[in-house]
Amino acid sequence: MFCPNCGNHILDANASFCPNCGAQLNSFAQDSTQSSARQDSQQDSQQSWYNQFNYTPPQQDCTPCAPSANYNGLSIAGFCVSCAAIFFNRTLFGLAGIAGLILSIIGLRQCNARGDKGRGLAIAGIVIGAVLTLLVILLIVIAIIAMDYVSDFFRSFYEYF
């Protein structure tokens, strides 16, 4: 016999309540005076219906899921600042790339210590921030060399006249 409420297979034919969901079975229970052939045919038809749709009765004894870890805020902030630094690095003299790099490093350390999510964001923020910081340093070095070249050019130009 099957519970009409939850579909659980009930082994005791004289049960008054479903052991799985607690639904009352009195109005749905079969009389013990009925022939066993009719009970078997009804069970077979119910089982074939369940098997036809691959139905499995719900399990009531499941354990609650563990809460998922949260994303680390500094990892997200470091990634966002590093991405924003791609567009605004020139106007902020490279400080946005450095800030994104620092925030991402702190976020990565917190992710490793606490087990938070966001480790990939922190690594991406570190890579973007480091590349932008190196580009700013390279541009500063090129600017210094260019200024030295320009000053030597003008010095030699004035000496010529």
N, C-alpha and C. Protein backbone atom coordinates (compact mmCIF):
# COMPACT_ATOMS: atom_id res chain seq x y z
N MET A 1 0.85 -1.16 0.00
CA MET A 1 0.00 0.00 0.00
C MET A 1 0.90 1.24 0.00
N PHE A 2 0.44 2.29 -0.65
CA PHE A 2 1.18 3.54 -0.75
C PHE A 2 0.38 4.66 -0.09
N CYS A 3 1.10 5.60 0.54
CA CYS A 3 0.46 6.76 1.15
C CYS A 3 -0.01 7.70 0.04
N PRO A 4 -1.28 8.11 0.06
CA PRO A 4 -1.76 9.02 -0.99
C PRO A 4 -1.23 10.43 -0.83
N ASN A 5 -0.68 10.76 0.33
CA ASN A 5 -0.17 12.11 0.57
C ASN A 5 1.26 12.27 0.08
N CYS A 6 2.14 11.34 0.48
CA CYS A 6 3.56 11.48 0.13
C CYS A 6 4.05 10.41 -0.83
N GLY A 7 3.27 9.35 -1.06
CA GLY A 7 3.68 8.31 -1.99
C GLY A 7 4.60 7.27 -1.38
N ASN A 8 4.79 7.30 -0.06
CA ASN A 8 5.68 6.36 0.61
C ASN A 8 5.07 4.96 0.59
N HIS A 9 5.89 3.93 0.37
CA HIS A 9 5.42 2.55 0.38
C HIS A 9 5.27 2.12 1.84
N ILE A 10 4.06 1.72 2.23
CA ILE A 10 3.77 1.32 3.60
C ILE A 10 3.72 -0.20 3.64
N LEU A 11 4.57 -0.79 4.45
CA LEU A 11 4.66 -2.24 4.52
C LEU A 11 3.53 -2.84 5.34
N ASP A 12 3.10 -2.15 6.40
CA ASP A 12 2.03 -2.65 7.26
C ASP A 12 0.68 -2.32 6.63
N ALA A 13 -0.07 -3.36 6.24
CA ALA A 13 -1.35 -3.16 5.56
C ALA A 13 -2.43 -2.65 6.52
N ASN A 14 -2.23 -2.81 7.83
CA ASN A 14 -3.22 -2.38 8.81
C ASN A 14 -2.86 -1.04 9.42
N ALA A 15 -1.91 -0.31 8.87
CA ALA A 15 -1.48 0.97 9.44
C ALA A 15 -2.57 2.01 9.29
N SER A 16 -2.72 2.84 10.33
CA SER A 16 -3.72 3.90 10.31
C SER A 16 -3.12 5.22 9.86
N PHE A 17 -1.80 5.36 10.05
CA PHE A 17 -1.10 6.59 9.69
C PHE A 17 0.16 6.25 8.90
N CYS A 18 0.53 7.15 8.02
CA CYS A 18 1.77 6.97 7.25
C CYS A 18 2.96 7.21 8.17
N PRO A 19 3.94 6.28 8.24
CA PRO A 19 5.10 6.50 9.11
C PRO A 19 6.03 7.60 8.59
N ASN A 20 5.88 7.99 7.33
CA ASN A 20 6.76 9.00 6.73
C ASN A 20 6.25 10.41 6.95
N CYS A 21 4.96 10.66 6.61
CA CYS A 21 4.43 12.03 6.70
C CYS A 21 3.36 12.18 7.77
N GLY A 22 2.83 11.08 8.31
CA GLY A 22 1.85 11.16 9.37
C GLY A 22 0.42 11.33 8.89
N ALA A 23 0.18 11.22 7.60
CA ALA A 23 -1.18 11.38 7.08
C ALA A 23 -2.05 10.20 7.51
N GLN A 24 -3.33 10.46 7.79
CA GLN A 24 -4.25 9.41 8.21
C GLN A 24 -4.60 8.53 7.02
N LEU A 25 -4.54 7.23 7.25
CA LEU A 25 -4.77 6.27 6.17
C LEU A 25 -6.09 5.53 6.32
N ASN A 26 -6.91 5.85 7.32
CA ASN A 26 -8.14 5.09 7.57
C ASN A 26 -9.07 5.11 6.37
N SER A 27 -9.26 6.28 5.80
CA SER A 27 -10.18 6.35 4.68
C SER A 27 -9.57 5.76 3.41
N PHE A 28 -8.24 5.64 3.39
CA PHE A 28 -7.57 5.13 2.20
C PHE A 28 -7.10 3.69 2.35
N ALA A 29 -7.12 3.15 3.58
CA ALA A 29 -6.62 1.79 3.81
C ALA A 29 -7.60 0.78 3.24
N GLN A 30 -7.06 -0.27 2.77
CA GLN A 30 -7.91 -1.31 2.20
C GLN A 30 -8.40 -2.23 3.31
N ASP A 31 -9.54 -2.75 3.13
CA ASP A 31 -10.13 -3.65 4.10
C ASP A 31 -9.34 -4.95 4.08
N SER A 32 -9.16 -5.55 5.25
CA SER A 32 -8.40 -6.79 5.31
C SER A 32 -9.19 -7.96 4.74
N THR A 33 -10.50 -7.76 4.51
CA THR A 33 -11.32 -8.84 3.97
C THR A 33 -11.20 -8.97 2.46
N GLN A 34 -10.57 -7.97 1.79
CA GLN A 34 -10.43 -8.05 0.33
C GLN A 34 -9.44 -9.14 -0.02
N SER A 35 -9.56 -9.62 -1.19
CA SER A 35 -8.69 -10.70 -1.64
C SER A 35 -7.29 -10.18 -1.87
N SER A 36 -6.32 -11.06 -1.70
CA SER A 36 -4.93 -10.68 -1.90
C SER A 36 -4.62 -10.41 -3.37
N ALA A 37 -5.39 -11.01 -4.26
CA ALA A 37 -5.16 -10.78 -5.69
C ALA A 37 -5.45 -9.33 -6.06
N ARG A 38 -6.53 -8.77 -5.50
CA ARG A 38 -6.86 -7.38 -5.79
C ARG A 38 -5.82 -6.43 -5.22
N GLN A 39 -5.30 -6.74 -4.02
CA GLN A 39 -4.26 -5.91 -3.42
C GLN A 39 -2.99 -5.94 -4.27
N ASP A 40 -2.62 -7.12 -4.71
CA ASP A 40 -1.41 -7.24 -5.53
C ASP A 40 -1.55 -6.49 -6.85
N SER A 41 -2.74 -6.58 -7.48
CA SER A 41 -2.91 -5.89 -8.75
C SER A 41 -2.89 -4.38 -8.57
N GLN A 42 -3.46 -3.90 -7.44
CA GLN A 42 -3.43 -2.46 -7.19
C GLN A 42 -2.01 -1.98 -6.92
N GLN A 43 -1.24 -2.75 -6.14
CA GLN A 43 0.14 -2.37 -5.87
C GLN A 43 0.97 -2.39 -7.15
N ASP A 44 0.74 -3.37 -7.98
CA ASP A 44 1.47 -3.45 -9.24
C ASP A 44 1.16 -2.26 -10.14
N SER A 45 -0.12 -1.87 -10.18
CA SER A 45 -0.48 -0.73 -11.03
C SER A 45 0.11 0.57 -10.48
N GLN A 46 0.14 0.72 -9.13
CA GLN A 46 0.73 1.92 -8.55
C GLN A 46 2.24 1.93 -8.77
N GLN A 47 2.86 0.78 -8.59
CA GLN A 47 4.31 0.72 -8.80
C GLN A 47 4.66 0.99 -10.25
N SER A 48 3.84 0.46 -11.17
CA SER A 48 4.15 0.71 -12.58
C SER A 48 3.97 2.20 -12.91
N TRP A 49 2.99 2.84 -12.27
CA TRP A 49 2.82 4.28 -12.49
C TRP A 49 4.02 5.05 -11.96
N TYR A 50 4.52 4.68 -10.78
CA TYR A 50 5.71 5.34 -10.23
C TYR A 50 6.93 5.09 -11.11
N ASN A 51 7.07 3.87 -11.57
CA ASN A 51 8.22 3.53 -12.40
C ASN A 51 8.15 4.19 -13.77
N GLN A 52 6.95 4.43 -14.25
CA GLN A 52 6.78 5.03 -15.58
C GLN A 52 7.38 6.43 -15.60
N PHE A 53 7.24 7.19 -14.53
CA PHE A 53 7.73 8.56 -14.48
C PHE A 53 9.01 8.70 -13.66
N ASN A 54 9.63 7.56 -13.33
CA ASN A 54 10.84 7.56 -12.50
C ASN A 54 10.64 8.35 -11.22
N TYR A 55 9.49 8.14 -10.60
CA TYR A 55 9.16 8.88 -9.39
C TYR A 55 9.73 8.18 -8.18
N THR A 56 10.38 8.92 -7.35
CA THR A 56 10.83 8.40 -6.07
C THR A 56 10.19 9.25 -4.99
N PRO A 57 9.65 8.62 -3.97
CA PRO A 57 9.00 9.39 -2.91
C PRO A 57 10.00 10.31 -2.21
N PRO A 58 9.56 11.46 -1.76
CA PRO A 58 10.48 12.38 -1.08
C PRO A 58 10.95 11.81 0.24
N GLN A 59 12.15 12.12 0.57
CA GLN A 59 12.73 11.66 1.83
C GLN A 59 12.56 12.75 2.87
N GLN A 60 12.04 12.40 4.03
CA GLN A 60 11.80 13.38 5.08
C GLN A 60 12.96 13.49 6.06
N ASP A 61 13.87 12.56 6.02
CA ASP A 61 14.95 12.56 7.00
C ASP A 61 16.24 13.17 6.47
N CYS A 62 16.13 14.17 5.59
CA CYS A 62 17.33 14.79 5.05
C CYS A 62 17.89 15.78 6.07
N THR A 63 19.18 15.94 6.04
CA THR A 63 19.84 16.88 6.94
C THR A 63 19.88 18.24 6.26
N PRO A 64 19.80 19.31 7.04
CA PRO A 64 19.85 20.65 6.43
C PRO A 64 21.21 20.91 5.81
N CYS A 65 21.21 21.66 4.75
CA CYS A 65 22.45 21.99 4.04
C CYS A 65 23.28 22.94 4.88
N ALA A 66 24.57 22.82 4.74
CA ALA A 66 25.47 23.73 5.45
C ALA A 66 25.40 25.10 4.78
N PRO A 67 25.48 26.17 5.56
CA PRO A 67 25.44 27.50 4.94
C PRO A 67 26.66 27.70 4.05
N SER A 68 26.44 28.33 2.92
CA SER A 68 27.54 28.55 2.00
C SER A 68 28.41 29.70 2.49
N ALA A 69 29.67 29.63 2.14
CA ALA A 69 30.59 30.68 2.54
C ALA A 69 30.29 31.96 1.77
N ASN A 70 30.53 33.08 2.39
CA ASN A 70 30.27 34.37 1.76
C ASN A 70 31.47 34.80 0.94
N TYR A 71 31.21 35.69 -0.01
CA TYR A 71 32.30 36.27 -0.79
C TYR A 71 33.02 37.31 0.06
N ASN A 72 34.31 37.37 -0.08
CA ASN A 72 35.11 38.33 0.66
C ASN A 72 34.96 39.70 0.03
N GLY A 73 34.63 40.69 0.84
CA GLY A 73 34.38 42.04 0.34
C GLY A 73 35.62 42.71 -0.22
N LEU A 74 36.78 42.47 0.41
CA LEU A 74 38.01 43.10 -0.09
C LEU A 74 38.44 42.50 -1.42
N SER A 75 38.14 41.23 -1.63
CA SER A 75 38.46 40.62 -2.93
C SER A 75 37.64 41.27 -4.04
N ILE A 76 36.35 41.48 -3.76
CA ILE A 76 35.48 42.12 -4.74
C ILE A 76 35.92 43.55 -4.97
N ALA A 77 36.21 44.27 -3.88
CA ALA A 77 36.62 45.67 -4.00
C ALA A 77 37.94 45.79 -4.75
N GLY A 78 38.89 44.91 -4.45
CA GLY A 78 40.18 44.95 -5.13
C GLY A 78 40.05 44.68 -6.62
N PHE A 79 39.20 43.72 -6.98
CA PHE A 79 38.98 43.42 -8.39
C PHE A 79 38.31 44.60 -9.09
N CYS A 80 37.31 45.18 -8.45
CA CYS A 80 36.60 46.31 -9.07
C CYS A 80 37.51 47.52 -9.24
N VAL A 81 38.32 47.82 -8.23
CA VAL A 81 39.23 48.97 -8.32
C VAL A 81 40.29 48.71 -9.38
N SER A 82 40.78 47.47 -9.45
CA SER A 82 41.78 47.15 -10.48
C SER A 82 41.19 47.28 -11.89
N CYS A 83 39.95 46.82 -12.05
CA CYS A 83 39.30 46.96 -13.36
C CYS A 83 39.03 48.42 -13.69
N ALA A 84 38.62 49.21 -12.70
CA ALA A 84 38.39 50.64 -12.92
C ALA A 84 39.70 51.34 -13.23
N ALA A 85 40.78 50.84 -12.70
CA ALA A 85 42.09 51.46 -12.94
C ALA A 85 42.52 51.33 -14.40
N ILE A 86 41.97 50.35 -15.10
CA ILE A 86 42.30 50.22 -16.53
C ILE A 86 41.91 51.50 -17.27
N PHE A 87 40.77 52.08 -16.90
CA PHE A 87 40.27 53.26 -17.58
C PHE A 87 40.75 54.57 -16.94
N PHE A 88 40.97 54.56 -15.63
CA PHE A 88 41.27 55.80 -14.92
C PHE A 88 42.69 55.86 -14.39
N ASN A 89 43.56 54.97 -14.80
CA ASN A 89 44.92 54.93 -14.26
C ASN A 89 45.72 56.17 -14.66
N ARG A 90 45.51 56.66 -15.88
CA ARG A 90 46.25 57.85 -16.32
C ARG A 90 45.86 59.07 -15.53
N THR A 91 44.57 59.22 -15.26
CA THR A 91 44.11 60.44 -14.58
C THR A 91 44.44 60.42 -13.10
N LEU A 92 44.63 59.25 -12.52
CA LEU A 92 44.93 59.15 -11.09
C LEU A 92 46.39 58.86 -10.81
N PHE A 93 47.25 59.02 -11.81
CA PHE A 93 48.69 58.85 -11.70
C PHE A 93 49.08 57.46 -11.19
N GLY A 94 48.31 56.44 -11.53
CA GLY A 94 48.65 55.07 -11.17
C GLY A 94 48.24 54.65 -9.78
N LEU A 95 47.60 55.52 -9.04
CA LEU A 95 47.22 55.17 -7.67
C LEU A 95 46.09 54.14 -7.63
N ALA A 96 45.21 54.16 -8.61
CA ALA A 96 44.10 53.20 -8.63
C ALA A 96 44.62 51.77 -8.80
N GLY A 97 45.60 51.58 -9.65
CA GLY A 97 46.18 50.25 -9.83
C GLY A 97 46.86 49.75 -8.57
N ILE A 98 47.56 50.64 -7.90
CA ILE A 98 48.23 50.27 -6.65
C ILE A 98 47.19 49.95 -5.57
N ALA A 99 46.14 50.77 -5.49
CA ALA A 99 45.08 50.52 -4.50
C ALA A 99 44.39 49.18 -4.77
N GLY A 100 44.10 48.89 -6.03
CA GLY A 100 43.49 47.61 -6.37
C GLY A 100 44.39 46.44 -6.05
N LEU A 101 45.69 46.61 -6.27
CA LEU A 101 46.66 45.58 -5.95
C LEU A 101 46.69 45.30 -4.45
N ILE A 102 46.72 46.36 -3.65
CA ILE A 102 46.78 46.20 -2.19
C ILE A 102 45.49 45.57 -1.66
N LEU A 103 44.34 46.06 -2.12
CA LEU A 103 43.07 45.48 -1.67
C LEU A 103 42.95 44.01 -2.05
N SER A 104 43.41 43.66 -3.23
CA SER A 104 43.32 42.27 -3.68
C SER A 104 44.25 41.36 -2.89
N ILE A 105 45.43 41.85 -2.55
CA ILE A 105 46.35 41.04 -1.73
C ILE A 105 45.76 40.79 -0.35
N ILE A 106 45.20 41.83 0.27
CA ILE A 106 44.59 41.66 1.58
C ILE A 106 43.38 40.72 1.48
N GLY A 107 42.57 40.87 0.43
CA GLY A 107 41.42 40.00 0.22
C GLY A 107 41.82 38.54 0.02
N LEU A 108 42.91 38.30 -0.71
CA LEU A 108 43.38 36.93 -0.92
C LEU A 108 43.84 36.31 0.38
N ARG A 109 44.54 37.08 1.19
CA ARG A 109 45.00 36.57 2.49
C ARG A 109 43.81 36.24 3.38
N GLN A 110 42.77 37.07 3.36
CA GLN A 110 41.59 36.80 4.17
C GLN A 110 40.83 35.59 3.65
N CYS A 111 40.78 35.42 2.33
CA CYS A 111 40.11 34.24 1.76
C CYS A 111 40.82 32.96 2.19
N ASN A 112 42.12 32.98 2.17
CA ASN A 112 42.88 31.79 2.57
C ASN A 112 42.73 31.52 4.06
N ALA A 113 42.67 32.57 4.88
CA ALA A 113 42.58 32.38 6.33
C ALA A 113 41.18 31.97 6.77
N ARG A 114 40.15 32.58 6.20
CA ARG A 114 38.78 32.35 6.64
C ARG A 114 38.04 31.30 5.83
N GLY A 115 38.53 30.98 4.64
CA GLY A 115 37.84 30.05 3.77
C GLY A 115 36.68 30.70 3.02
N ASP A 116 36.74 32.01 2.84
CA ASP A 116 35.69 32.72 2.11
C ASP A 116 35.80 32.44 0.62
N LYS A 117 34.72 32.72 -0.09
CA LYS A 117 34.75 32.69 -1.55
C LYS A 117 35.38 33.99 -2.03
N GLY A 118 35.77 34.03 -3.29
CA GLY A 118 36.33 35.24 -3.87
C GLY A 118 37.82 35.17 -4.11
N ARG A 119 38.38 33.96 -3.97
CA ARG A 119 39.83 33.81 -4.18
C ARG A 119 40.20 34.13 -5.63
N GLY A 120 39.38 33.71 -6.57
CA GLY A 120 39.65 33.98 -7.99
C GLY A 120 39.57 35.46 -8.31
N LEU A 121 38.61 36.16 -7.69
CA LEU A 121 38.52 37.61 -7.89
C LEU A 121 39.76 38.30 -7.34
N ALA A 122 40.24 37.84 -6.19
CA ALA A 122 41.43 38.44 -5.60
C ALA A 122 42.65 38.21 -6.49
N ILE A 123 42.79 37.02 -7.02
CA ILE A 123 43.93 36.73 -7.90
C ILE A 123 43.85 37.57 -9.17
N ALA A 124 42.66 37.68 -9.73
CA ALA A 124 42.51 38.50 -10.93
C ALA A 124 42.81 39.96 -10.62
N GLY A 125 42.37 40.45 -9.46
CA GLY A 125 42.67 41.82 -9.06
C GLY A 125 44.16 42.04 -8.86
N ILE A 126 44.85 41.04 -8.31
CA ILE A 126 46.31 41.14 -8.14
C ILE A 126 47.01 41.21 -9.49
N VAL A 127 46.60 40.36 -10.41
CA VAL A 127 47.24 40.35 -11.74
C VAL A 127 47.01 41.67 -12.45
N ILE A 128 45.76 42.13 -12.47
CA ILE A 128 45.46 43.40 -13.17
C ILE A 128 46.17 44.56 -12.50
N GLY A 129 46.12 44.61 -11.15
CA GLY A 129 46.78 45.70 -10.42
C GLY A 129 48.28 45.69 -10.61
N ALA A 130 48.89 44.49 -10.61
CA ALA A 130 50.34 44.41 -10.79
C ALA A 130 50.75 44.83 -12.20
N VAL A 131 50.00 44.39 -13.20
CA VAL A 131 50.32 44.77 -14.58
C VAL A 131 50.19 46.29 -14.76
N LEU A 132 49.11 46.86 -14.23
CA LEU A 132 48.94 48.31 -14.35
C LEU A 132 50.00 49.08 -13.58
N THR A 133 50.38 48.59 -12.42
CA THR A 133 51.44 49.24 -11.64
C THR A 133 52.77 49.18 -12.38
N LEU A 134 53.07 48.04 -12.97
CA LEU A 134 54.31 47.93 -13.76
C LEU A 134 54.26 48.84 -14.99
N LEU A 135 53.10 48.94 -15.62
CA LEU A 135 52.98 49.85 -16.76
C LEU A 135 53.19 51.31 -16.34
N VAL A 136 52.65 51.69 -15.19
CA VAL A 136 52.84 53.06 -14.71
C VAL A 136 54.31 53.31 -14.41
N ILE A 137 54.97 52.34 -13.78
CA ILE A 137 56.41 52.49 -13.50
C ILE A 137 57.19 52.60 -14.79
N LEU A 138 56.84 51.76 -15.78
CA LEU A 138 57.51 51.81 -17.08
C LEU A 138 57.28 53.16 -17.76
N LEU A 139 56.06 53.67 -17.69
CA LEU A 139 55.78 54.98 -18.29
C LEU A 139 56.54 56.11 -17.58
N ILE A 140 56.68 56.02 -16.29
CA ILE A 140 57.45 57.03 -15.55
C ILE A 140 58.91 56.99 -15.96
N VAL A 141 59.47 55.80 -16.07
CA VAL A 141 60.87 55.67 -16.49
C VAL A 141 61.05 56.20 -17.92
N ILE A 142 60.11 55.87 -18.80
CA ILE A 142 60.19 56.39 -20.18
C ILE A 142 60.08 57.90 -20.18
N ALA A 143 59.20 58.45 -19.34
CA ALA A 143 59.05 59.91 -19.28
C ALA A 143 60.32 60.58 -18.77
N ILE A 144 60.98 59.96 -17.78
CA ILE A 144 62.23 60.53 -17.27
C ILE A 144 63.32 60.49 -18.33
N ILE A 145 63.41 59.38 -19.04
CA ILE A 145 64.41 59.27 -20.11
C ILE A 145 64.11 60.26 -21.23
N ALA A 146 62.84 60.41 -21.56
CA ALA A 146 62.46 61.36 -22.61
C ALA A 146 62.77 62.79 -22.18
N MET A 147 62.52 63.13 -20.93
CA MET A 147 62.83 64.49 -20.45
C MET A 147 64.33 64.75 -20.49
N ASP A 148 65.10 63.72 -20.14
CA ASP A 148 66.55 63.89 -20.19
C ASP A 148 67.01 64.08 -21.64
N TYR A 149 66.43 63.32 -22.57
CA TYR A 149 66.78 63.46 -23.97
C TYR A 149 66.39 64.83 -24.50
N VAL A 150 65.17 65.28 -24.14
CA VAL A 150 64.70 66.59 -24.61
C VAL A 150 65.58 67.70 -24.03
N SER A 151 65.94 67.58 -22.75
CA SER A 151 66.78 68.63 -22.15
C SER A 151 68.17 68.65 -22.79
N ASP A 152 68.72 67.47 -23.11
CA ASP A 152 70.01 67.43 -23.80
C ASP A 152 69.88 68.02 -25.21
N PHE A 153 68.77 67.77 -25.88
CA PHE A 153 68.55 68.31 -27.21
C PHE A 153 68.51 69.84 -27.17
N PHE A 154 67.75 70.39 -26.21
CA PHE A 154 67.66 71.84 -26.14
C PHE A 154 68.98 72.46 -25.69
N ARG A 155 69.71 71.78 -24.82
CA ARG A 155 71.02 72.30 -24.39
C ARG A 155 71.97 72.35 -25.58
N SER A 156 71.98 71.30 -26.38
CA SER A 156 72.87 71.31 -27.57
C SER A 156 72.36 72.29 -28.63
N PHE A 157 71.07 72.50 -28.71
CA PHE A 157 70.50 73.44 -29.65
C PHE A 157 70.90 74.87 -29.30
N TYR A 158 70.87 75.21 -28.01
CA TYR A 158 71.26 76.57 -27.59
C TYR A 158 72.77 76.76 -27.72
N GLU A 159 73.55 75.71 -27.53
CA GLU A 159 74.98 75.84 -27.68
C GLU A 159 75.39 76.06 -29.15
N TYR A 160 74.58 75.53 -30.05
CA TYR A 160 74.88 75.68 -31.46
C TYR A 160 74.76 77.13 -31.90
N PHE A 161 73.79 77.83 -31.33
CA PHE A 161 73.62 79.22 -31.72
C PHE A 161 74.35 80.06 -30.76
